[in-house]
Amino acid sequence: MLFFMYHPASMSEQDAYARAYPSLSPNHTVRVHSDGTLELIPAPRGQRVCALPGTYLVRVEQDGYLRRIVQKATE
């Protein structure tokens, strides 16, 4: 599965997805920071991916277009 995280107060889900898309991989979660920079967080082995504080975690569906917020970690 492919995942990315973003801060909802600083950008829309669509903007975050557009920035994260080229870097999506099953090996890591892409965190899109407020300034647009990307951070690649290694996928945890044997554990679920979790949103970091202040972010929404989004799963990218197999078709690459449909996205679903799977966790909201509001501060």
Protein backbone atom coordinates (compact mmCIF):
# COMPACT_ATOMS: atom_id res chain seq x y z
CA MET A 1 0.00 0.00 0.00
CA LEU A 2 1.04 3.57 -0.62
CA PHE A 3 0.67 6.29 2.02
CA PHE A 4 1.37 9.99 2.46
CA MET A 5 0.85 12.49 5.28
CA TYR A 6 0.22 16.20 5.24
CA HIS A 7 -0.83 19.01 7.56
CA PRO A 8 -4.41 19.93 6.58
CA ALA A 9 -4.15 23.56 7.73
CA SER A 10 -1.26 24.27 5.38
CA MET A 11 -2.44 22.61 2.13
CA SER A 12 -5.25 20.66 0.57
CA GLU A 13 -5.24 16.91 0.15
CA GLN A 14 -4.97 17.38 -3.63
CA ASP A 15 -1.89 19.62 -3.33
CA ALA A 16 -0.21 17.22 -0.91
CA TYR A 17 -0.99 14.26 -3.19
CA ALA A 18 0.46 16.05 -6.23
CA ARG A 19 3.69 16.73 -4.35
CA ALA A 20 3.91 13.23 -2.84
CA TYR A 21 2.94 11.27 -5.96
CA PRO A 22 6.39 10.99 -7.61
CA SER A 23 7.89 9.64 -4.37
CA LEU A 24 5.18 7.16 -3.36
CA SER A 25 6.51 3.67 -2.61
CA PRO A 26 5.46 0.68 -0.50
CA ASN A 27 8.85 0.99 1.24
CA HIS A 28 8.09 4.32 2.91
CA THR A 29 5.45 6.89 3.79
CA VAL A 30 5.85 10.32 2.21
CA ARG A 31 5.38 13.23 4.60
CA VAL A 32 4.67 16.52 2.85
CA HIS A 33 5.77 19.38 5.09
CA SER A 34 4.06 22.77 5.14
CA ASP A 35 6.86 24.30 3.04
CA GLY A 36 6.41 21.62 0.36
CA THR A 37 9.50 19.59 1.22
CA LEU A 38 9.18 15.83 1.40
CA GLU A 39 10.33 13.44 4.09
CA LEU A 40 10.50 9.70 3.41
CA ILE A 41 9.65 7.69 6.53
CA PRO A 42 10.56 3.98 6.35
CA ALA A 43 7.60 1.60 6.49
CA PRO A 44 7.39 -0.07 9.91
CA ARG A 45 7.78 -3.85 9.72
CA GLY A 46 4.86 -5.74 11.22
CA GLN A 47 3.09 -2.57 12.34
CA ARG A 48 0.45 -0.28 10.93
CA VAL A 49 1.43 3.07 9.48
CA CYS A 50 0.29 5.87 11.81
CA ALA A 51 -0.20 9.58 11.31
CA LEU A 52 2.29 11.82 13.06
CA PRO A 53 0.96 14.59 15.33
CA GLY A 54 -0.79 17.34 13.39
CA THR A 55 -1.09 15.33 10.17
CA TYR A 56 -3.61 13.35 8.18
CA LEU A 57 -2.50 9.96 6.88
CA VAL A 58 -3.87 9.13 3.43
CA ARG A 59 -3.85 5.77 1.65
CA VAL A 60 -3.52 5.87 -2.13
CA GLU A 61 -5.76 3.29 -3.78
CA GLN A 62 -4.54 0.91 -6.49
CA ASP A 63 -5.84 3.05 -9.33
CA GLY A 64 -3.58 5.88 -8.11
CA TYR A 65 -6.40 8.43 -8.00
CA LEU A 66 -8.81 7.47 -5.26
CA ARG A 67 -7.49 8.43 -1.87
CA ARG A 68 -8.87 7.81 1.57
CA ILE A 69 -7.89 9.48 4.84
CA VAL A 70 -7.19 6.59 7.20
CA GLN A 71 -6.11 8.51 10.29
CA LYS A 72 -6.28 12.07 11.62
CA ALA A 73 -3.77 12.95 14.35
CA THR A 74 -4.88 16.41 15.35
CA GLU A 75 -2.88 18.18 18.03
